């Protein structure tokens, strides 16, 4: 079984984020990138299949700042191979455009199972896995919480609300969007990371038709913020008077 894991670098939104000049995107010039959390779980689940079923794991990233470091980290964790894909496009790629590159890579590398995270902060509807599956004409299971080898295919588990879960038998080749790995993400020692840091990451030349998106983002804005909380104090009589005044100002008291 050859597993191809697509890793995506996403903006680190924990710091200050500014909008671009045209108001359609975040300003990406100085923002840090990090590995998408769900893709991290997809890699871990692939490595578990490597251990239990003897699968070969290949990690790929669309080439950008930090791509080499993330792929070197994937090799330190146990991935067998790693490639970066060059996209001849400016700015962030949509899931549809990225899917064209990833599906072409899956064909070229003769993957049996394509895995990626179920979503990213920029793809909250989880479009990548289904689009890749459609382009490859492979079955797709999304929001996966466990994958195990089963005969000539895989047994895939999905978790639902109320503590319920379902297991599907899927024939390979297939596509899986991983929500969480079946075990916690493994710790990688500093010595392994330092050893992998010197690894040269080759580029994978793929031929893919990246069509223009039919949906154009018109604007992007920060969430509306309210005025915050107003402290009324601790004296009951004072609080009662202030509260009455607030209700009256908002026309919530009857005359």
C-alpha atoms as a PDB file:
ATOM      1  CA  UNK A   1       0.000   0.000   0.000  1.00  0.00           C
ATOM      2  CA  UNK A   2       1.421   3.375  -1.031  1.00  0.00           C
ATOM      3  CA  UNK A   3      -0.011   6.295   0.945  1.00  0.00           C
ATOM      4  CA  UNK A   4       0.359   9.853  -0.297  1.00  0.00           C
ATOM      5  CA  UNK A   5      -0.197  12.457   2.426  1.00  0.00           C
ATOM      6  CA  UNK A   6      -0.840  16.057   1.368  1.00  0.00           C
ATOM      7  CA  UNK A   7       0.383  18.560   3.953  1.00  0.00           C
ATOM      8  CA  UNK A   8      -0.735  22.177   3.772  1.00  0.00           C
ATOM      9  CA  UNK A   9       0.884  25.234   5.292  1.00  0.00           C
ATOM     10  CA  UNK A  10      -1.661  27.699   6.637  1.00  0.00           C
ATOM     11  CA  UNK A  11      -1.374  31.184   8.159  1.00  0.00           C
ATOM     12  CA  UNK A  12      -0.697  31.276  11.884  1.00  0.00           C
ATOM     13  CA  UNK A  13      -3.627  33.378  13.044  1.00  0.00           C
ATOM     14  CA  UNK A  14      -2.613  33.500  16.707  1.00  0.00           C
ATOM     15  CA  UNK A  15      -0.735  36.763  16.140  1.00  0.00           C
ATOM     16  CA  UNK A  16      -1.867  40.085  14.724  1.00  0.00           C
ATOM     17  CA  UNK A  17      -3.441  39.715  11.293  1.00  0.00           C
ATOM     18  CA  UNK A  18      -3.944  42.576   8.871  1.00  0.00           C
ATOM     19  CA  UNK A  19      -5.970  42.770   5.684  1.00  0.00           C
ATOM     20  CA  UNK A  20      -4.383  43.236   2.280  1.00  0.00           C
ATOM     21  CA  UNK A  21      -4.625  46.564   0.473  1.00  0.00           C
ATOM     22  CA  UNK A  22      -7.477  45.391  -1.768  1.00  0.00           C
ATOM     23  CA  UNK A  23      -9.500  44.138   1.216  1.00  0.00           C
ATOM     24  CA  UNK A  24      -9.945  40.670  -0.275  1.00  0.00           C
ATOM     25  CA  UNK A  25      -7.387  38.663   1.712  1.00  0.00           C
ATOM     26  CA  UNK A  26      -5.106  38.785   4.722  1.00  0.00           C
ATOM     27  CA  UNK A  27      -1.714  40.414   4.276  1.00  0.00           C
ATOM     28  CA  UNK A  28       0.538  37.394   3.770  1.00  0.00           C
ATOM     29  CA  UNK A  29       3.852  39.225   3.418  1.00  0.00           C
ATOM     30  CA  UNK A  30       4.923  38.980   7.045  1.00  0.00           C
ATOM     31  CA  UNK A  31       2.593  36.339   8.439  1.00  0.00           C
ATOM     32  CA  UNK A  32       4.047  33.068   9.713  1.00  0.00           C
ATOM     33  CA  UNK A  33       2.961  29.728   8.275  1.00  0.00           C
ATOM     34  CA  UNK A  34       2.391  26.522  10.198  1.00  0.00           C
ATOM     35  CA  UNK A  35       1.362  22.962   9.406  1.00  0.00           C
ATOM     36  CA  UNK A  36      -2.397  22.546   9.232  1.00  0.00           C
ATOM     37  CA  UNK A  37      -3.557  20.738  12.371  1.00  0.00           C
ATOM     38  CA  UNK A  38      -5.759  18.212  10.564  1.00  0.00           C
ATOM     39  CA  UNK A  39      -2.992  17.394   8.064  1.00  0.00           C
ATOM     40  CA  UNK A  40      -0.758  16.641  11.046  1.00  0.00           C
ATOM     41  CA  UNK A  41      -3.315  14.031  12.135  1.00  0.00           C
ATOM     42  CA  UNK A  42      -3.483  12.639   8.582  1.00  0.00           C
ATOM     43  CA  UNK A  43       0.280  12.083   8.595  1.00  0.00           C
ATOM     44  CA  UNK A  44       0.088  10.363  11.976  1.00  0.00           C
ATOM     45  CA  UNK A  45      -2.666   8.017  10.777  1.00  0.00           C
ATOM     46  CA  UNK A  46      -0.592   7.185   7.686  1.00  0.00           C
ATOM     47  CA  UNK A  47       2.420   6.368   9.871  1.00  0.00           C
ATOM     48  CA  UNK A  48       0.246   4.071  11.986  1.00  0.00           C
ATOM     49  CA  UNK A  49      -0.713   2.205   8.787  1.00  0.00           C
ATOM     50  CA  UNK A  50       2.969   2.031   7.949  1.00  0.00           C
ATOM     51  CA  UNK A  51       3.611   0.289  11.264  1.00  0.00           C
ATOM     52  CA  UNK A  52       0.616  -2.057  11.214  1.00  0.00           C
ATOM     53  CA  UNK A  53       0.316  -2.885   7.505  1.00  0.00           C
ATOM     54  CA  UNK A  54       3.763  -2.189   6.068  1.00  0.00           C
ATOM     55  CA  UNK A  55       2.533   0.751   4.005  1.00  0.00           C
ATOM     56  CA  UNK A  56       4.896   3.161   2.279  1.00  0.00           C
ATOM     57  CA  UNK A  57       4.286   6.788   3.246  1.00  0.00           C
ATOM     58  CA  UNK A  58       5.117   9.735   0.992  1.00  0.00           C
ATOM     59  CA  UNK A  59       4.541  13.313   2.164  1.00  0.00           C
ATOM     60  CA  UNK A  60       4.033  16.199  -0.270  1.00  0.00           C
ATOM     61  CA  UNK A  61       3.718  19.957   0.161  1.00  0.00           C
ATOM     62  CA  UNK A  62       3.088  22.722  -2.354  1.00  0.00           C
ATOM     63  CA  UNK A  63       6.377  24.628  -2.386  1.00  0.00           C
ATOM     64  CA  UNK A  64       6.400  27.821  -0.303  1.00  0.00           C
ATOM     65  CA  UNK A  65       8.192  29.245   2.718  1.00  0.00           C
ATOM     66  CA  UNK A  66       8.614  26.501   5.302  1.00  0.00           C
ATOM     67  CA  UNK A  67       7.894  23.605   2.927  1.00  0.00           C
ATOM     68  CA  UNK A  68      11.345  22.022   3.313  1.00  0.00           C
ATOM     69  CA  UNK A  69      11.205  22.257   7.097  1.00  0.00           C
ATOM     70  CA  UNK A  70       7.782  20.598   7.298  1.00  0.00           C
ATOM     71  CA  UNK A  71       8.812  17.777   4.965  1.00  0.00           C
ATOM     72  CA  UNK A  72      12.041  17.244   6.891  1.00  0.00           C
ATOM     73  CA  UNK A  73       9.933  16.982  10.039  1.00  0.00           C
ATOM     74  CA  UNK A  74       7.706  14.409   8.290  1.00  0.00           C
ATOM     75  CA  UNK A  75      10.799  12.349   7.434  1.00  0.00           C
ATOM     76  CA  UNK A  76      11.954  12.577  11.055  1.00  0.00           C
ATOM     77  CA  UNK A  77       8.584  11.214  12.160  1.00  0.00           C
ATOM     78  CA  UNK A  78       8.938   8.204   9.856  1.00  0.00           C
ATOM     79  CA  UNK A  79       7.761   9.099   6.349  1.00  0.00           C
ATOM     80  CA  UNK A  80       9.626   7.120   3.683  1.00  0.00           C
ATOM     81  CA  UNK A  81       9.766   9.864   1.044  1.00  0.00           C
ATOM     82  CA  UNK A  82       8.969  13.551   0.710  1.00  0.00           C
ATOM     83  CA  UNK A  83       8.453  15.862  -2.260  1.00  0.00           C
ATOM     84  CA  UNK A  84       7.577  19.496  -2.781  1.00  0.00           C
ATOM     85  CA  UNK A  85       5.416  20.572  -5.701  1.00  0.00           C
ATOM     86  CA  UNK A  86       6.004  23.864  -7.456  1.00  0.00           C
ATOM     87  CA  UNK A  87       2.839  25.758  -8.319  1.00  0.00           C
ATOM     88  CA  UNK A  88       3.146  28.281 -11.117  1.00  0.00           C
ATOM     89  CA  UNK A  89       0.712  30.678  -9.496  1.00  0.00           C
ATOM     90  CA  UNK A  90       0.946  33.751  -7.307  1.00  0.00           C
ATOM     91  CA  UNK A  91      -0.634  33.950  -3.875  1.00  0.00           C
ATOM     92  CA  UNK A  92      -2.572  31.306  -1.997  1.00  0.00           C
ATOM     93  CA  UNK A  93      -4.141  28.503  -4.006  1.00  0.00           C
ATOM     94  CA  UNK A  94      -7.790  27.593  -3.613  1.00  0.00           C
ATOM     95  CA  UNK A  95      -8.671  24.004  -2.735  1.00  0.00           C
ATOM     96  CA  UNK A  96      -9.781  23.468  -6.318  1.00  0.00           C
ATOM     97  CA  UNK A  97      -6.438  24.616  -7.721  1.00  0.00           C
ATOM     98  CA  UNK A  98      -4.429  22.668  -5.134  1.00  0.00           C
ATOM     99  CA  UNK A  99      -6.476  19.547  -5.875  1.00  0.00           C
ATOM    100  CA  UNK A 100      -5.264  19.611  -9.477  1.00  0.00           C
ATOM    101  CA  UNK A 101      -1.650  19.430  -8.306  1.00  0.00           C
ATOM    102  CA  UNK A 102      -2.284  16.785  -5.660  1.00  0.00           C
ATOM    103  CA  UNK A 103      -4.321  14.516  -7.945  1.00  0.00           C
ATOM    104  CA  UNK A 104      -1.611  14.741 -10.625  1.00  0.00           C
ATOM    105  CA  UNK A 105       0.986  13.812  -7.995  1.00  0.00           C
ATOM    106  CA  UNK A 106      -1.130  10.841  -6.884  1.00  0.00           C
ATOM    107  CA  UNK A 107      -1.221   9.553 -10.452  1.00  0.00           C
ATOM    108  CA  UNK A 108       2.484  10.127 -11.051  1.00  0.00           C
ATOM    109  CA  UNK A 109       3.564   8.478  -7.797  1.00  0.00           C
ATOM    110  CA  UNK A 110       1.054   5.636  -8.270  1.00  0.00           C
ATOM    111  CA  UNK A 111      -0.505   6.095  -4.850  1.00  0.00           C
ATOM    112  CA  UNK A 112      -3.092   3.653  -3.538  1.00  0.00           C
ATOM    113  CA  UNK A 113      -4.424   5.931  -0.807  1.00  0.00           C
ATOM    114  CA  UNK A 114      -4.492   9.733  -0.752  1.00  0.00           C
ATOM    115  CA  UNK A 115      -4.819  11.266   2.706  1.00  0.00           C
ATOM    116  CA  UNK A 116      -5.097  14.831   3.903  1.00  0.00           C
ATOM    117  CA  UNK A 117      -6.752  16.751   6.721  1.00  0.00           C
ATOM    118  CA  UNK A 118     -10.510  17.154   6.648  1.00  0.00           C
ATOM    119  CA  UNK A 119     -10.255  20.964   6.514  1.00  0.00           C
ATOM    120  CA  UNK A 120      -8.071  24.032   7.028  1.00  0.00           C
ATOM    121  CA  UNK A 121      -8.816  27.533   8.354  1.00  0.00           C
ATOM    122  CA  UNK A 122      -9.070  28.569   4.689  1.00  0.00           C
ATOM    123  CA  UNK A 123     -11.098  25.507   3.657  1.00  0.00           C
ATOM    124  CA  UNK A 124     -13.583  25.096   6.479  1.00  0.00           C
ATOM    125  CA  UNK A 125     -16.017  23.191   4.260  1.00  0.00           C
ATOM    126  CA  UNK A 126     -13.441  20.471   3.593  1.00  0.00           C
ATOM    127  CA  UNK A 127     -13.364  20.649  -0.196  1.00  0.00           C
ATOM    128  CA  UNK A 128      -9.868  19.331  -0.961  1.00  0.00           C
ATOM    129  CA  UNK A 129     -10.387  15.596  -0.392  1.00  0.00           C
ATOM    130  CA  UNK A 130     -13.688  15.377  -2.349  1.00  0.00           C
ATOM    131  CA  UNK A 131     -12.276  17.364  -5.283  1.00  0.00           C
ATOM    132  CA  UNK A 132      -9.145  15.200  -5.445  1.00  0.00           C
ATOM    133  CA  UNK A 133     -11.366  12.103  -5.358  1.00  0.00           C
ATOM    134  CA  UNK A 134     -13.535  13.469  -8.168  1.00  0.00           C
ATOM    135  CA  UNK A 135     -10.505  14.222 -10.332  1.00  0.00           C
ATOM    136  CA  UNK A 136      -9.054  10.762  -9.730  1.00  0.00           C
ATOM    137  CA  UNK A 137     -12.459   9.041  -9.912  1.00  0.00           C
ATOM    138  CA  UNK A 138     -11.739   7.361  -6.564  1.00  0.00           C
ATOM    139  CA  UNK A 139     -14.138   6.843  -3.641  1.00  0.00           C
ATOM    140  CA  UNK A 140     -13.867   9.410  -0.847  1.00  0.00           C
ATOM    141  CA  UNK A 141     -14.510   9.158   2.875  1.00  0.00           C
ATOM    142  CA  UNK A 142     -14.301  12.426   4.798  1.00  0.00           C
ATOM    143  CA  UNK A 143     -14.116  13.236   8.531  1.00  0.00           C
ATOM    144  CA  UNK A 144     -12.237  10.010   9.264  1.00  0.00           C
ATOM    145  CA  UNK A 145     -11.111   9.098  12.790  1.00  0.00           C
ATOM    146  CA  UNK A 146      -9.422   5.733  12.144  1.00  0.00           C
ATOM    147  CA  UNK A 147      -8.060   3.759   9.183  1.00  0.00           C
ATOM    148  CA  UNK A 148      -6.971   0.110   9.214  1.00  0.00           C
ATOM    149  CA  UNK A 149      -5.911  -2.316   6.502  1.00  0.00           C
ATOM    150  CA  UNK A 150      -8.680  -4.768   5.622  1.00  0.00           C
ATOM    151  CA  UNK A 151      -8.151  -7.366   2.914  1.00  0.00           C
ATOM    152  CA  UNK A 152      -7.533  -5.599  -0.383  1.00  0.00           C
ATOM    153  CA  UNK A 153      -8.797  -2.303   1.001  1.00  0.00           C
ATOM    154  CA  UNK A 154      -9.199  -0.359   4.217  1.00  0.00           C
ATOM    155  CA  UNK A 155     -11.664  -0.173   7.100  1.00  0.00           C
ATOM    156  CA  UNK A 156     -12.499   3.467   7.798  1.00  0.00           C
ATOM    157  CA  UNK A 157     -14.231   4.806  10.891  1.00  0.00           C
ATOM    158  CA  UNK A 158     -16.285   7.976  11.186  1.00  0.00           C
ATOM    159  CA  UNK A 159     -17.504   9.391  14.494  1.00  0.00           C
ATOM    160  CA  UNK A 160     -20.902  11.047  14.855  1.00  0.00           C
ATOM    161  CA  UNK A 161     -22.609  13.035  17.583  1.00  0.00           C
ATOM    162  CA  UNK A 162     -24.026  11.231  20.580  1.00  0.00           C
ATOM    163  CA  UNK A 163     -21.083   8.831  20.807  1.00  0.00           C
ATOM    164  CA  UNK A 164     -22.057   6.944  17.651  1.00  0.00           C
ATOM    165  CA  UNK A 165     -19.617   5.798  14.966  1.00  0.00           C
ATOM    166  CA  UNK A 166     -19.725   3.961  11.660  1.00  0.00           C
ATOM    167  CA  UNK A 167     -17.196   1.723   9.913  1.00  0.00           C
ATOM    168  CA  UNK A 168     -16.918   1.481   6.131  1.00  0.00           C
ATOM    169  CA  UNK A 169     -15.084  -1.074   4.015  1.00  0.00           C
ATOM    170  CA  UNK A 170     -13.435   0.798   1.137  1.00  0.00           C
ATOM    171  CA  UNK A 171     -11.617  -0.701  -1.817  1.00  0.00           C
ATOM    172  CA  UNK A 172      -8.372   0.931  -2.913  1.00  0.00           C
ATOM    173  CA  UNK A 173      -7.490   3.278  -4.477  1.00  0.00           C
ATOM    174  CA  UNK A 174      -9.321   5.795  -2.307  1.00  0.00           C
ATOM    175  CA  UNK A 175      -9.195   9.264  -0.761  1.00  0.00           C
ATOM    176  CA  UNK A 176      -9.590  10.007   2.962  1.00  0.00           C
ATOM    177  CA  UNK A 177     -10.004  13.335   4.737  1.00  0.00           C
ATOM    178  CA  UNK A 178      -8.777  12.807   8.296  1.00  0.00           C
ATOM    179  CA  UNK A 179     -10.395  14.555  11.243  1.00  0.00           C
ATOM    180  CA  UNK A 180      -8.268  12.998  13.960  1.00  0.00           C
ATOM    181  CA  UNK A 181      -5.678  10.255  14.211  1.00  0.00           C
ATOM    182  CA  UNK A 182      -6.600   7.125  16.141  1.00  0.00           C
ATOM    183  CA  UNK A 183      -3.640   7.743  18.473  1.00  0.00           C
ATOM    184  CA  UNK A 184      -2.001  10.928  19.783  1.00  0.00           C
ATOM    185  CA  UNK A 185       0.555  12.483  17.454  1.00  0.00           C
ATOM    186  CA  UNK A 186       3.956  11.006  18.242  1.00  0.00           C
ATOM    187  CA  UNK A 187       6.792  12.921  19.832  1.00  0.00           C
ATOM    188  CA  UNK A 188       9.892  13.356  17.679  1.00  0.00           C
ATOM    189  CA  UNK A 189      13.213  13.712  19.459  1.00  0.00           C
ATOM    190  CA  UNK A 190      15.465  16.666  18.807  1.00  0.00           C
ATOM    191  CA  UNK A 191      18.223  14.381  17.507  1.00  0.00           C
ATOM    192  CA  UNK A 192      15.945  13.004  14.773  1.00  0.00           C
ATOM    193  CA  UNK A 193      14.834  16.492  13.812  1.00  0.00           C
ATOM    194  CA  UNK A 194      18.448  17.693  13.601  1.00  0.00           C
ATOM    195  CA  UNK A 195      19.387  14.666  11.514  1.00  0.00           C
ATOM    196  CA  UNK A 196      16.501  15.254   9.097  1.00  0.00           C
ATOM    197  CA  UNK A 197      17.213  18.994   8.910  1.00  0.00           C
ATOM    198  CA  UNK A 198      20.071  18.352   6.489  1.00  0.00           C
ATOM    199  CA  UNK A 199      17.962  16.259   4.104  1.00  0.00           C
ATOM    200  CA  UNK A 200      17.581  17.678   0.614  1.00  0.00           C
ATOM    201  CA  UNK A 201      13.917  17.704  -0.403  1.00  0.00           C
ATOM    202  CA  UNK A 202      13.458  16.982  -4.126  1.00  0.00           C
ATOM    203  CA  UNK A 203      10.872  18.706  -6.279  1.00  0.00           C
ATOM    204  CA  UNK A 204       8.196  16.698  -8.041  1.00  0.00           C
ATOM    205  CA  UNK A 205       7.415  17.983 -11.512  1.00  0.00           C
ATOM    206  CA  UNK A 206       3.731  17.403 -12.125  1.00  0.00           C
ATOM    207  CA  UNK A 207       1.661  18.354 -15.142  1.00  0.00           C
ATOM    208  CA  UNK A 208      -1.691  19.687 -14.004  1.00  0.00           C
ATOM    209  CA  UNK A 209      -4.292  21.990 -15.461  1.00  0.00           C
ATOM    210  CA  UNK A 210      -5.022  24.609 -12.811  1.00  0.00           C
ATOM    211  CA  UNK A 211      -8.228  26.236 -13.963  1.00  0.00           C
ATOM    212  CA  UNK A 212      -9.355  29.612 -12.737  1.00  0.00           C
ATOM    213  CA  UNK A 213     -11.889  29.553  -9.930  1.00  0.00           C
ATOM    214  CA  UNK A 214     -15.438  30.470 -10.865  1.00  0.00           C
ATOM    215  CA  UNK A 215     -15.927  32.076  -7.445  1.00  0.00           C
ATOM    216  CA  UNK A 216     -14.210  35.387  -6.723  1.00  0.00           C
ATOM    217  CA  UNK A 217     -13.872  36.687  -3.192  1.00  0.00           C
ATOM    218  CA  UNK A 218     -15.338  40.179  -3.100  1.00  0.00           C
ATOM    219  CA  UNK A 219     -14.230  41.282   0.358  1.00  0.00           C
ATOM    220  CA  UNK A 220     -12.813  40.104   3.657  1.00  0.00           C
ATOM    221  CA  UNK A 221     -13.449  41.832   6.967  1.00  0.00           C
ATOM    222  CA  UNK A 222     -12.696  41.349  10.623  1.00  0.00           C
ATOM    223  CA  UNK A 223     -15.599  40.200  12.829  1.00  0.00           C
ATOM    224  CA  UNK A 224     -17.809  42.895  14.305  1.00  0.00           C
ATOM    225  CA  UNK A 225     -16.876  43.770  17.854  1.00  0.00           C
ATOM    226  CA  UNK A 226     -19.307  44.971  20.484  1.00  0.00           C
ATOM    227  CA  UNK A 227     -18.617  47.699  22.972  1.00  0.00           C
ATOM    228  CA  UNK A 228     -17.516  45.301  25.690  1.00  0.00           C
ATOM    229  CA  UNK A 229     -18.810  44.866  29.218  1.00  0.00           C
ATOM    230  CA  UNK A 230     -19.775  47.683  31.546  1.00  0.00           C
ATOM    231  CA  UNK A 231     -19.085  47.161  35.239  1.00  0.00           C
ATOM    232  CA  UNK A 232     -21.969  48.354  37.402  1.00  0.00           C
ATOM    233  CA  UNK A 233     -20.202  48.191  40.744  1.00  0.00           C
ATOM    234  CA  UNK A 234     -21.093  46.286  43.902  1.00  0.00           C
ATOM    235  CA  UNK A 235     -23.522  48.542  45.790  1.00  0.00           C
ATOM    236  CA  UNK A 236     -27.040  47.103  45.320  1.00  0.00           C
ATOM    237  CA  UNK A 237     -28.800  50.483  45.292  1.00  0.00           C
ATOM    238  CA  UNK A 238     -26.339  51.976  42.800  1.00  0.00           C
ATOM    239  CA  UNK A 239     -26.488  48.893  40.576  1.00  0.00           C
ATOM    240  CA  UNK A 240     -30.298  48.961  40.612  1.00  0.00           C
ATOM    241  CA  UNK A 241     -30.345  52.584  39.519  1.00  0.00           C
ATOM    242  CA  UNK A 242     -27.801  52.046  36.748  1.00  0.00           C
ATOM    243  CA  UNK A 243     -29.603  48.945  35.529  1.00  0.00           C
ATOM    244  CA  UNK A 244     -32.923  50.802  35.412  1.00  0.00           C
ATOM    245  CA  UNK A 245     -31.296  53.594  33.407  1.00  0.00           C
ATOM    246  CA  UNK A 246     -29.778  51.127  30.918  1.00  0.00           C
ATOM    247  CA  UNK A 247     -33.136  49.408  30.409  1.00  0.00           C
ATOM    248  CA  UNK A 248     -34.851  52.762  29.954  1.00  0.00           C
ATOM    249  CA  UNK A 249     -32.239  53.970  27.452  1.00  0.00           C
ATOM    250  CA  UNK A 250     -32.810  50.844  25.384  1.00  0.00           C
ATOM    251  CA  UNK A 251     -36.606  51.262  25.603  1.00  0.00           C
ATOM    252  CA  UNK A 252     -37.001  48.011  27.522  1.00  0.00           C
ATOM    253  CA  UNK A 253     -39.140  49.505  30.312  1.00  0.00           C
ATOM    254  CA  UNK A 254     -42.845  50.194  30.067  1.00  0.00           C
ATOM    255  CA  UNK A 255     -43.972  53.728  30.798  1.00  0.00           C
END
